[in-house]
Structure formats: C-alpha cells, structure tokens
Amino acid sequence: MAEDDLLSQMLHAWREDIESVPFPQFNELLIPRQQVRPRCTPSASAVRVTNATRKTDA
C-alpha cells in the first residue's frame, strides 16, 4: 500500500511538472518550398549498365 502511495505521489509530481511548461503555440506554420533537383541527362561519357547476371559465351 505504501508503494501505491509513493507511485501516486510521483505521478502527481510528474503531471504538475509537465503541466507547468506551456505548450508552444504557432501563429503561422511556414513550410519551405521543396527544392527541385536538376535532371541528369545521359552523355557520351556515361557508363552503360548491363545485366551482369546474364550468361555470355566467353
């Protein structure tokens, strides 16, 4: 029973501590614009990727 009392006291103290801090309030939520990545176009120096699992006659 004494443990229940101690736990209740600890819970009440924790709640008082949490409730003593004001919750932040925002007038306006600003979300930055998403940045667009430049498109990559294949060039003559680009490496060609092939299917490496295909069997070849060597």
Protein backbone atom coordinates (compact mmCIF):
# COMPACT_ATOMS: atom_id res chain seq x y z
CA MET A 1 0.00 0.00 0.00
CA ALA A 2 2.88 2.35 0.78
CA GLU A 3 4.27 1.68 -2.71
CA ASP A 4 0.95 2.71 -4.25
CA ASP A 5 1.05 5.96 -2.31
CA LEU A 6 4.62 6.63 -3.38
CA LEU A 7 3.80 5.88 -7.01
CA SER A 8 0.74 8.14 -6.86
CA GLN A 9 2.82 10.95 -5.40
CA MET A 10 5.43 10.50 -8.10
CA LEU A 11 2.74 10.53 -10.80
CA HIS A 12 1.15 13.70 -9.45
CA ALA A 13 4.56 15.39 -9.20
CA TRP A 14 5.34 14.38 -12.78
CA ARG A 15 2.00 15.72 -14.04
CA GLU A 16 2.49 19.02 -12.22
CA ASP A 17 5.95 19.31 -13.74
CA ILE A 18 4.66 18.57 -17.26
CA GLU A 19 1.68 20.92 -16.95
CA SER A 20 3.88 23.76 -15.67
CA VAL A 21 5.56 24.07 -19.08
CA PRO A 22 3.37 25.92 -21.59
CA PHE A 23 2.70 24.14 -24.86
CA PRO A 24 4.18 26.07 -27.80
CA GLN A 25 1.67 27.87 -30.00
CA PHE A 26 2.30 28.91 -33.58
CA ASN A 27 0.60 31.80 -35.36
CA GLU A 28 1.66 30.58 -38.78
CA LEU A 29 3.30 27.37 -39.93
CA LEU A 30 5.93 28.01 -42.57
CA ILE A 31 6.95 25.06 -44.73
CA PRO A 32 9.91 25.71 -47.00
CA ARG A 33 9.44 25.08 -50.72
CA GLN A 34 10.72 21.76 -51.95
CA GLN A 35 13.93 22.02 -53.92
CA VAL A 36 13.88 20.53 -57.40
CA ARG A 37 16.93 18.53 -58.40
CA PRO A 38 18.35 19.19 -61.86
CA ARG A 39 17.59 16.37 -64.28
CA CYS A 40 20.56 14.27 -65.26
CA THR A 41 20.73 13.54 -68.98
CA PRO A 42 22.94 10.71 -70.25
CA SER A 43 26.04 11.91 -72.01
CA ALA A 44 28.54 10.22 -74.31
CA SER A 45 30.85 9.60 -71.37
CA ALA A 46 28.14 7.90 -69.31
CA VAL A 47 28.79 4.30 -68.35
CA ARG A 48 26.31 1.83 -69.82
CA VAL A 49 24.82 -0.51 -67.22
CA THR A 50 24.12 -4.02 -68.43
CA ASN A 51 22.56 -7.10 -66.90
CA ALA A 52 25.51 -8.72 -65.12
CA THR A 53 23.63 -11.91 -64.34
CA ARG A 54 23.12 -12.86 -68.00
CA LYS A 55 25.38 -15.68 -69.16
CA THR A 56 27.70 -14.85 -72.01
CA ASP A 57 29.79 -17.07 -74.29
CA ALA A 58 33.35 -16.19 -73.45
